[in-house]
Amino acid sequence: MTDIEQIQQLYKDYWQYMINKDIKGLDKIMADDYELCHMTGLRQKKQDFFESVKSGELNYYSVKHDEIIVNVSGDTAKMIGRSKVVAAVYGGGKSSWRLQGDFKLRKENGVWLLTFSKASTY
């Protein structure tokens, strides 16, 4: 697999792990310094994000990917993923969202890891 294909698969794995509430899977694909910036502007470090997924504050049910754009520069990369997601977050009802994730990645010991993501709509 090329770097671009690996990163695109990482994006697909990210969503599947969130749907399955697979914290071990998420931990595998995120750098220790990973941070998520929600649409609200709330920033969460990796462990806080995991707690929100485990507790049911963040619930993801299904995903359909529209576009995954990757730009690699050495051992860093940027990715924009656009997906239609069915989710219920922070006590809200189950809804369909057109979510865009702007990701930063870093290659460590030959493995691509997510270091940052910012959520928005498209």
Protein backbone atom coordinates (compact mmCIF):
# COMPACT_ATOMS: atom_id res chain seq x y z
CA MET A 1 0.00 0.00 0.00
CA THR A 2 1.18 3.52 -0.73
CA ASP A 3 1.28 6.14 2.03
CA ILE A 4 -1.87 7.71 0.60
CA GLU A 5 -3.71 4.37 0.61
CA GLN A 6 -2.57 3.66 4.18
CA ILE A 7 -3.85 7.04 5.35
CA GLN A 8 -7.17 6.61 3.54
CA GLN A 9 -7.58 3.23 5.25
CA LEU A 10 -6.70 4.83 8.57
CA TYR A 11 -9.59 7.27 8.08
CA LYS A 12 -11.99 4.39 7.39
CA ASP A 13 -10.67 2.51 10.44
CA TYR A 14 -11.12 5.65 12.58
CA TRP A 15 -14.83 5.76 11.81
CA GLN A 16 -15.35 2.02 12.23
CA TYR A 17 -13.59 2.10 15.60
CA MET A 18 -15.83 4.96 16.74
CA ILE A 19 -18.98 3.14 15.60
CA ASN A 20 -17.81 0.02 17.49
CA LYS A 21 -16.61 2.05 20.52
CA ASP A 22 -13.29 0.24 20.02
CA ILE A 23 -10.97 2.27 22.25
CA LYS A 24 -8.04 -0.12 21.71
CA GLY A 25 -8.40 0.34 17.95
CA LEU A 26 -8.56 4.13 18.28
CA ASP A 27 -5.54 4.11 20.59
CA LYS A 28 -3.58 2.18 17.96
CA ILE A 29 -4.12 4.81 15.26
CA MET A 30 -3.70 7.96 17.38
CA ALA A 31 -0.45 9.50 18.55
CA ASP A 32 -0.13 10.05 22.30
CA ASP A 33 -0.43 13.82 21.71
CA TYR A 34 -3.61 13.51 19.58
CA GLU A 35 -6.15 16.28 20.02
CA LEU A 36 -9.66 16.68 18.61
CA CYS A 37 -11.31 20.04 18.01
CA HIS A 38 -15.11 19.63 17.89
CA MET A 39 -17.42 21.81 15.80
CA THR A 40 -18.24 23.72 18.98
CA GLY A 41 -14.58 24.62 19.44
CA LEU A 42 -14.22 22.24 22.41
CA ARG A 43 -10.77 20.65 22.38
CA GLN A 44 -10.21 17.18 23.76
CA LYS A 45 -7.00 15.30 24.37
CA LYS A 46 -6.89 11.65 23.41
CA GLN A 47 -7.91 10.16 26.78
CA ASP A 48 -10.75 12.67 27.27
CA PHE A 49 -12.04 11.82 23.80
CA PHE A 50 -11.94 8.10 24.66
CA GLU A 51 -13.97 8.76 27.82
CA SER A 52 -16.63 10.62 25.78
CA VAL A 53 -16.90 7.68 23.38
CA LYS A 54 -17.03 5.09 26.20
CA SER A 55 -19.56 7.04 28.28
CA GLY A 56 -22.03 7.45 25.42
CA GLU A 57 -21.62 11.21 25.13
CA LEU A 58 -20.49 10.48 21.57
CA ASN A 59 -22.43 7.77 19.72
CA TYR A 60 -21.79 6.91 16.09
CA TYR A 61 -24.05 4.47 14.23
CA SER A 62 -23.09 4.45 10.57
CA VAL A 63 -20.86 6.18 8.03
CA LYS A 64 -20.70 6.58 4.25
CA HIS A 65 -17.51 8.13 2.93
CA ASP A 66 -17.79 10.70 0.14
CA GLU A 67 -14.18 11.85 -0.21
CA ILE A 68 -10.78 11.30 1.39
CA ILE A 69 -8.09 13.73 0.20
CA VAL A 70 -4.51 13.12 1.35
CA ASN A 71 -1.34 15.20 0.94
CA VAL A 72 1.92 13.64 2.15
CA SER A 73 5.09 15.59 2.85
CA GLY A 74 7.85 13.34 4.16
CA ASP A 75 6.81 11.95 7.54
CA THR A 76 3.83 14.29 7.92
CA ALA A 77 0.52 14.41 6.11
CA LYS A 78 -2.74 16.30 5.96
CA MET A 79 -6.05 14.66 5.19
CA ILE A 80 -9.57 15.92 4.61
CA GLY A 81 -12.27 13.31 5.02
CA ARG A 82 -15.88 13.99 4.11
CA SER A 83 -18.47 11.48 5.26
CA LYS A 84 -22.18 11.20 5.94
CA VAL A 85 -22.45 10.07 9.55
CA VAL A 86 -25.43 9.04 11.67
CA ALA A 87 -24.70 10.04 15.25
CA ALA A 88 -26.17 11.16 18.57
CA VAL A 89 -23.84 13.43 20.53
CA TYR A 90 -24.01 15.20 23.89
CA GLY A 91 -27.59 14.15 24.63
CA GLY A 92 -29.00 15.16 21.25
CA GLY A 93 -31.15 12.88 19.17
CA LYS A 94 -29.90 10.58 16.45
CA SER A 95 -29.24 12.67 13.33
CA SER A 96 -27.51 12.46 9.99
CA TRP A 97 -24.50 14.76 9.58
CA ARG A 98 -22.27 15.67 6.65
CA LEU A 99 -19.03 15.77 8.62
CA GLN A 100 -15.67 16.97 7.45
CA GLY A 101 -12.56 16.06 9.38
CA ASP A 102 -9.37 18.02 8.81
CA PHE A 103 -6.59 15.75 10.06
CA LYS A 104 -2.87 16.01 10.64
CA LEU A 105 -0.75 12.87 10.72
CA ARG A 106 2.78 11.86 11.55
CA LYS A 107 4.70 8.74 10.58
CA GLU A 108 6.36 7.12 13.61
CA ASN A 109 8.48 3.99 13.22
CA GLY A 110 6.96 3.42 9.78
CA VAL A 111 3.34 3.74 11.01
CA TRP A 112 0.98 6.63 10.23
CA LEU A 113 -0.76 8.08 13.30
CA LEU A 114 -3.41 10.76 13.70
CA THR A 115 -2.11 13.75 15.66
CA PHE A 116 -4.94 16.27 15.29
CA SER A 117 -8.42 16.53 13.84
CA LYS A 118 -10.90 19.34 13.51
CA ALA A 119 -14.56 18.57 12.86
CA SER A 120 -16.87 20.72 10.74
CA THR A 121 -19.71 20.24 8.30
CA TYR A 122 -19.65 20.40 4.50
